[in-house]
Amino acid sequence: MAEEKKNFVQNTREYIDELRSEMRRVTWPNRKQVESTTAVVIVSVFLFAGYFAIVDTVLRRAVTGVLTFFTK
């Protein structure tokens, strides 16, 4: 039991050391990069929302038309 606890503590320390080492190598984006990519994401979301709204409307009208045709 004591050996398992020792291994857990040792493994945890190694993990944290490796994590710190990796985080030092990360290249973080600057503010301008974050702002531009955020703008691209927001514009893309609105474009896709508009596209799906149009497709939904067309499909709804088509299905309604087919159902109306066959129920009369």
C-alpha atoms as a PDB file:
ATOM      1  CA  MET A   1       0.000   0.000   0.000  1.00  0.00           C
ATOM      2  CA  ALA A   2       2.794   2.429   0.878  1.00  0.00           C
ATOM      3  CA  GLU A   3       4.586   1.591  -2.369  1.00  0.00           C
ATOM      4  CA  GLU A   4       1.401   2.263  -4.382  1.00  0.00           C
ATOM      5  CA  LYS A   5       1.045   5.625  -2.656  1.00  0.00           C
ATOM      6  CA  LYS A   6       4.694   6.428  -3.376  1.00  0.00           C
ATOM      7  CA  ASN A   7       4.251   5.490  -7.050  1.00  0.00           C
ATOM      8  CA  PHE A   8       1.130   7.644  -7.275  1.00  0.00           C
ATOM      9  CA  VAL A   9       2.938  10.660  -5.804  1.00  0.00           C
ATOM     10  CA  GLN A  10       5.962  10.098  -8.037  1.00  0.00           C
ATOM     11  CA  ASN A  11       3.807   9.667 -11.144  1.00  0.00           C
ATOM     12  CA  THR A  12       1.842  12.794 -10.291  1.00  0.00           C
ATOM     13  CA  ARG A  13       5.031  14.838  -9.871  1.00  0.00           C
ATOM     14  CA  GLU A  14       6.403  13.540 -13.187  1.00  0.00           C
ATOM     15  CA  TYR A  15       3.139  14.389 -14.906  1.00  0.00           C
ATOM     16  CA  ILE A  16       3.158  17.947 -13.544  1.00  0.00           C
ATOM     17  CA  ASP A  17       6.817  18.422 -14.516  1.00  0.00           C
ATOM     18  CA  GLU A  18       6.124  17.208 -18.061  1.00  0.00           C
ATOM     19  CA  LEU A  19       3.047  19.414 -18.237  1.00  0.00           C
ATOM     20  CA  ARG A  20       5.058  22.488 -17.232  1.00  0.00           C
ATOM     21  CA  SER A  21       7.704  21.620 -19.798  1.00  0.00           C
ATOM     22  CA  GLU A  22       5.106  21.332 -22.565  1.00  0.00           C
ATOM     23  CA  MET A  23       3.386  24.569 -21.559  1.00  0.00           C
ATOM     24  CA  ARG A  24       6.705  26.435 -21.897  1.00  0.00           C
ATOM     25  CA  ARG A  25       6.940  25.270 -25.530  1.00  0.00           C
ATOM     26  CA  VAL A  26       3.441  26.429 -26.476  1.00  0.00           C
ATOM     27  CA  THR A  27       3.307  29.468 -28.743  1.00  0.00           C
ATOM     28  CA  TRP A  28       0.295  31.481 -27.670  1.00  0.00           C
ATOM     29  CA  PRO A  29      -1.530  33.674 -30.204  1.00  0.00           C
ATOM     30  CA  ASN A  30      -1.368  37.417 -29.791  1.00  0.00           C
ATOM     31  CA  ARG A  31      -4.434  39.606 -29.320  1.00  0.00           C
ATOM     32  CA  LYS A  32      -4.739  40.484 -33.021  1.00  0.00           C
ATOM     33  CA  GLN A  33      -4.751  36.795 -34.022  1.00  0.00           C
ATOM     34  CA  VAL A  34      -7.397  35.970 -31.426  1.00  0.00           C
ATOM     35  CA  GLU A  35      -9.603  38.860 -32.537  1.00  0.00           C
ATOM     36  CA  SER A  36      -9.350  37.935 -36.225  1.00  0.00           C
ATOM     37  CA  THR A  37     -10.073  34.245 -35.697  1.00  0.00           C
ATOM     38  CA  THR A  38     -12.966  35.129 -33.397  1.00  0.00           C
ATOM     39  CA  ALA A  39     -14.406  37.382 -36.084  1.00  0.00           C
ATOM     40  CA  VAL A  40     -14.107  34.575 -38.649  1.00  0.00           C
ATOM     41  CA  VAL A  41     -15.938  32.178 -36.335  1.00  0.00           C
ATOM     42  CA  ILE A  42     -18.751  34.639 -35.625  1.00  0.00           C
ATOM     43  CA  VAL A  43     -19.244  35.471 -39.319  1.00  0.00           C
ATOM     44  CA  SER A  44     -19.183  31.751 -40.199  1.00  0.00           C
ATOM     45  CA  VAL A  45     -21.821  30.966 -37.591  1.00  0.00           C
ATOM     46  CA  PHE A  46     -24.171  33.615 -38.977  1.00  0.00           C
ATOM     47  CA  LEU A  47     -23.593  32.478 -42.574  1.00  0.00           C
ATOM     48  CA  PHE A  48     -24.336  28.859 -41.692  1.00  0.00           C
ATOM     49  CA  ALA A  49     -27.400  29.906 -39.699  1.00  0.00           C
ATOM     50  CA  GLY A  50     -28.719  31.823 -42.702  1.00  0.00           C
ATOM     51  CA  TYR A  51     -27.994  28.927 -45.036  1.00  0.00           C
ATOM     52  CA  PHE A  52     -29.784  26.428 -42.805  1.00  0.00           C
ATOM     53  CA  ALA A  53     -32.735  28.799 -42.360  1.00  0.00           C
ATOM     54  CA  ILE A  54     -33.134  28.987 -46.145  1.00  0.00           C
ATOM     55  CA  VAL A  55     -32.791  25.214 -46.576  1.00  0.00           C
ATOM     56  CA  ASP A  56     -35.281  24.621 -43.750  1.00  0.00           C
ATOM     57  CA  THR A  57     -37.821  26.977 -45.314  1.00  0.00           C
ATOM     58  CA  VAL A  58     -37.499  25.376 -48.755  1.00  0.00           C
ATOM     59  CA  LEU A  59     -37.826  21.846 -47.363  1.00  0.00           C
ATOM     60  CA  ARG A  60     -40.771  22.801 -45.133  1.00  0.00           C
ATOM     61  CA  ARG A  61     -42.640  24.314 -48.057  1.00  0.00           C
ATOM     62  CA  ALA A  62     -41.861  21.308 -50.264  1.00  0.00           C
ATOM     63  CA  VAL A  63     -43.054  18.785 -47.679  1.00  0.00           C
ATOM     64  CA  THR A  64     -46.158  20.854 -46.939  1.00  0.00           C
ATOM     65  CA  GLY A  65     -46.919  21.043 -50.667  1.00  0.00           C
ATOM     66  CA  VAL A  66     -46.538  17.292 -51.138  1.00  0.00           C
ATOM     67  CA  LEU A  67     -48.711  16.522 -48.106  1.00  0.00           C
ATOM     68  CA  THR A  68     -51.373  18.997 -49.238  1.00  0.00           C
ATOM     69  CA  PHE A  69     -51.378  17.482 -52.730  1.00  0.00           C
ATOM     70  CA  PHE A  70     -51.873  13.934 -51.477  1.00  0.00           C
ATOM     71  CA  THR A  71     -54.446  14.740 -48.769  1.00  0.00           C
ATOM     72  CA  LYS A  72     -56.917  16.541 -51.056  1.00  0.00           C
END
